[in-house]
């Protein structure tokens, strides 16, 4: 989720305070340099697939890792 400065203030710039909804405040708006985003919160999911060939004996056949992501804009 990408949050504007006013939305970020409403969650005290802490992604853990997000409850699944969109916080009150102005939505991030486009500018000539991109979007005016103050805070980014979310998850990154990687799914690892096994290689091909008889040498690969992966069990289970896939593996998933999930990372929590949060970041403040640095001007």
N, C-alpha and C. Protein backbone atom coordinates (compact mmCIF):
# COMPACT_ATOMS: atom_id res chain seq x y z
N UNK A 1 0.86 -1.15 0.00
CA UNK A 1 0.00 0.00 0.00
C UNK A 1 0.91 1.23 0.00
N UNK A 2 0.58 2.19 -0.83
CA UNK A 2 1.32 3.44 -0.90
C UNK A 2 0.49 4.52 -0.22
N UNK A 3 1.09 5.21 0.75
CA UNK A 3 0.36 6.18 1.56
C UNK A 3 0.90 7.59 1.36
N UNK A 4 -0.02 8.56 1.33
CA UNK A 4 0.36 9.98 1.27
C UNK A 4 0.88 10.41 2.64
N UNK A 5 1.36 11.63 2.72
CA UNK A 5 1.87 12.13 4.00
C UNK A 5 0.76 12.19 5.05
N UNK A 6 -0.43 12.66 4.66
CA UNK A 6 -1.52 12.75 5.65
C UNK A 6 -1.98 11.36 6.09
N UNK A 7 -2.02 10.39 5.19
CA UNK A 7 -2.38 9.02 5.57
C UNK A 7 -1.31 8.43 6.49
N UNK A 8 -0.04 8.70 6.19
CA UNK A 8 1.07 8.21 7.01
C UNK A 8 0.99 8.75 8.42
N UNK A 9 0.66 10.01 8.54
CA UNK A 9 0.53 10.62 9.88
C UNK A 9 -0.60 9.95 10.66
N UNK A 10 -1.69 9.56 9.97
CA UNK A 10 -2.83 8.95 10.65
C UNK A 10 -2.54 7.55 11.19
N UNK A 11 -1.46 6.93 10.73
CA UNK A 11 -1.05 5.64 11.29
C UNK A 11 0.31 5.79 12.00
N UNK A 12 0.66 7.03 12.34
CA UNK A 12 1.91 7.35 13.06
C UNK A 12 3.13 6.78 12.33
N UNK A 13 3.07 6.77 10.98
CA UNK A 13 4.17 6.27 10.14
C UNK A 13 4.60 4.86 10.54
N UNK A 14 3.63 4.04 10.95
CA UNK A 14 3.90 2.68 11.41
C UNK A 14 3.00 1.71 10.65
N UNK A 15 3.59 0.93 9.75
CA UNK A 15 2.81 -0.02 8.94
C UNK A 15 2.05 -1.02 9.79
N UNK A 16 2.54 -1.33 10.98
CA UNK A 16 1.88 -2.30 11.85
C UNK A 16 0.52 -1.80 12.32
N UNK A 17 0.29 -0.50 12.23
CA UNK A 17 -0.99 0.07 12.68
C UNK A 17 -2.07 0.00 11.61
N UNK A 18 -1.72 -0.44 10.41
CA UNK A 18 -2.73 -0.60 9.36
C UNK A 18 -3.61 -1.80 9.69
N UNK A 19 -4.92 -1.65 9.51
CA UNK A 19 -5.85 -2.72 9.86
C UNK A 19 -6.49 -3.38 8.64
N UNK A 20 -5.94 -3.15 7.46
CA UNK A 20 -6.49 -3.73 6.25
C UNK A 20 -7.31 -2.75 5.44
N UNK A 21 -7.75 -1.66 6.06
CA UNK A 21 -8.49 -0.62 5.34
C UNK A 21 -7.56 0.49 4.89
N UNK A 22 -8.12 1.47 4.23
CA UNK A 22 -7.35 2.62 3.77
C UNK A 22 -7.46 3.71 4.83
N UNK A 23 -6.31 4.22 5.34
CA UNK A 23 -6.37 5.24 6.38
C UNK A 23 -6.94 6.56 5.84
N UNK A 24 -7.53 7.33 6.73
CA UNK A 24 -8.05 8.65 6.36
C UNK A 24 -6.91 9.53 5.87
N UNK A 25 -7.25 10.46 4.98
CA UNK A 25 -6.26 11.41 4.46
C UNK A 25 -6.34 11.46 2.95
N UNK A 26 -5.58 12.40 2.38
CA UNK A 26 -5.53 12.54 0.92
C UNK A 26 -4.84 11.33 0.31
N UNK A 27 -5.33 10.92 -0.86
CA UNK A 27 -4.67 9.81 -1.56
C UNK A 27 -3.41 10.33 -2.24
N UNK A 28 -2.40 9.46 -2.46
CA UNK A 28 -1.19 9.91 -3.15
C UNK A 28 -1.55 10.42 -4.55
N UNK A 29 -1.00 11.58 -4.90
CA UNK A 29 -1.31 12.20 -6.18
C UNK A 29 -0.09 12.22 -7.09
N UNK A 30 -0.32 12.20 -8.40
CA UNK A 30 0.81 12.27 -9.33
C UNK A 30 1.45 13.66 -9.32
N UNK A 31 2.76 13.70 -9.47
CA UNK A 31 3.51 14.95 -9.61
C UNK A 31 4.41 14.80 -10.83
N UNK A 32 5.14 15.81 -11.17
CA UNK A 32 6.05 15.72 -12.32
C UNK A 32 7.19 14.75 -12.07
N UNK A 33 7.45 14.42 -10.80
CA UNK A 33 8.53 13.48 -10.44
C UNK A 33 8.02 12.10 -10.02
N UNK A 34 6.76 11.81 -10.27
CA UNK A 34 6.18 10.55 -9.84
C UNK A 34 5.04 10.81 -8.87
N UNK A 35 4.69 9.81 -8.10
CA UNK A 35 3.60 9.98 -7.13
C UNK A 35 4.13 10.52 -5.82
N UNK A 36 3.29 11.32 -5.15
CA UNK A 36 3.65 11.92 -3.87
C UNK A 36 3.34 10.91 -2.76
N UNK A 37 4.25 9.96 -2.58
CA UNK A 37 4.08 8.88 -1.61
C UNK A 37 5.05 9.09 -0.46
N UNK A 38 4.55 8.96 0.76
CA UNK A 38 5.37 9.18 1.95
C UNK A 38 5.77 7.88 2.63
N UNK A 39 4.94 6.82 2.49
CA UNK A 39 5.18 5.56 3.18
C UNK A 39 4.68 4.41 2.31
N UNK A 40 5.45 3.35 2.26
CA UNK A 40 5.05 2.14 1.54
C UNK A 40 4.99 0.98 2.53
N UNK A 41 3.90 0.22 2.50
CA UNK A 41 3.71 -0.92 3.41
C UNK A 41 3.17 -2.11 2.62
N UNK A 42 3.59 -3.30 2.97
CA UNK A 42 3.03 -4.47 2.31
C UNK A 42 3.87 -5.70 2.51
N UNK A 43 3.73 -6.66 1.59
CA UNK A 43 4.49 -7.90 1.63
C UNK A 43 5.05 -8.20 0.25
N UNK A 44 6.15 -8.91 0.24
CA UNK A 44 6.76 -9.42 -0.98
C UNK A 44 6.78 -10.93 -0.85
N UNK A 45 6.20 -11.63 -1.82
CA UNK A 45 6.14 -13.09 -1.80
C UNK A 45 6.98 -13.65 -2.93
N UNK A 46 7.92 -14.53 -2.60
CA UNK A 46 8.73 -15.24 -3.58
C UNK A 46 8.32 -16.70 -3.60
N UNK A 47 8.10 -17.24 -4.80
CA UNK A 47 7.81 -18.66 -4.97
C UNK A 47 8.99 -19.25 -5.73
N UNK A 48 9.70 -20.16 -5.09
CA UNK A 48 10.86 -20.81 -5.69
C UNK A 48 10.40 -22.10 -6.36
N UNK A 49 10.74 -22.24 -7.63
CA UNK A 49 10.37 -23.43 -8.39
C UNK A 49 11.59 -24.32 -8.55
N UNK A 50 11.40 -25.63 -8.56
CA UNK A 50 12.55 -26.52 -8.69
C UNK A 50 13.15 -26.46 -10.10
N UNK A 51 14.42 -26.80 -10.17
CA UNK A 51 15.07 -26.90 -11.48
C UNK A 51 14.54 -28.09 -12.25
N UNK A 52 14.96 -28.19 -13.49
CA UNK A 52 14.51 -29.32 -14.32
C UNK A 52 15.61 -30.36 -14.38
N UNK A 53 15.23 -31.58 -14.58
CA UNK A 53 16.20 -32.66 -14.70
C UNK A 53 16.11 -33.64 -13.56
N UNK A 54 16.76 -34.75 -13.71
CA UNK A 54 16.68 -35.82 -12.72
C UNK A 54 17.49 -35.50 -11.46
N UNK A 55 18.42 -34.55 -11.54
CA UNK A 55 19.25 -34.21 -10.37
C UNK A 55 18.45 -33.46 -9.31
N UNK A 56 17.35 -32.83 -9.69
CA UNK A 56 16.55 -32.06 -8.74
C UNK A 56 15.58 -32.98 -8.03
N UNK A 57 15.74 -33.11 -6.73
CA UNK A 57 14.86 -33.95 -5.94
C UNK A 57 14.21 -33.12 -4.83
N UNK A 58 13.64 -31.98 -5.26
CA UNK A 58 13.03 -31.06 -4.30
C UNK A 58 11.75 -31.64 -3.72
N UNK A 59 11.59 -31.51 -2.41
CA UNK A 59 10.38 -31.95 -1.76
C UNK A 59 10.07 -30.98 -0.64
N UNK A 60 9.03 -30.21 -0.64
CA UNK A 60 7.97 -30.16 -1.65
C UNK A 60 8.49 -29.58 -2.96
N UNK A 61 7.65 -29.61 -3.98
CA UNK A 61 8.10 -29.19 -5.31
C UNK A 61 8.26 -27.68 -5.43
N UNK A 62 7.66 -26.90 -4.53
CA UNK A 62 7.87 -25.45 -4.51
C UNK A 62 8.08 -25.01 -3.07
N UNK A 63 8.64 -23.83 -2.93
CA UNK A 63 8.87 -23.25 -1.61
C UNK A 63 8.49 -21.78 -1.70
N UNK A 64 7.79 -21.26 -0.71
CA UNK A 64 7.36 -19.87 -0.70
C UNK A 64 7.93 -19.16 0.52
N UNK A 65 8.45 -17.96 0.28
CA UNK A 65 8.88 -17.10 1.38
C UNK A 65 8.11 -15.79 1.28
N UNK A 66 7.76 -15.21 2.43
CA UNK A 66 7.02 -13.96 2.48
C UNK A 66 7.80 -12.98 3.35
N UNK A 67 8.05 -11.79 2.81
CA UNK A 67 8.78 -10.75 3.51
C UNK A 67 7.85 -9.57 3.77
N UNK A 68 7.93 -8.99 4.96
CA UNK A 68 7.20 -7.77 5.26
C UNK A 68 8.03 -6.59 4.77
N UNK A 69 7.35 -5.66 4.08
CA UNK A 69 8.03 -4.50 3.51
C UNK A 69 7.45 -3.23 4.10
N UNK A 70 8.33 -2.32 4.52
CA UNK A 70 7.89 -0.99 4.91
C UNK A 70 9.03 -0.02 4.64
N UNK A 71 8.66 1.16 4.18
CA UNK A 71 9.70 2.12 3.86
C UNK A 71 9.20 3.55 3.85
N UNK A 72 10.01 4.45 4.37
CA UNK A 72 9.72 5.88 4.37
C UNK A 72 10.42 6.55 3.20
N UNK A 73 9.79 7.56 2.64
CA UNK A 73 10.40 8.35 1.58
C UNK A 73 11.56 9.15 2.16
N UNK A 74 12.64 9.17 1.44
CA UNK A 74 13.81 9.98 1.83
C UNK A 74 13.96 11.05 0.76
N UNK A 75 13.84 12.29 1.17
CA UNK A 75 13.97 13.40 0.20
C UNK A 75 15.41 13.78 -0.01
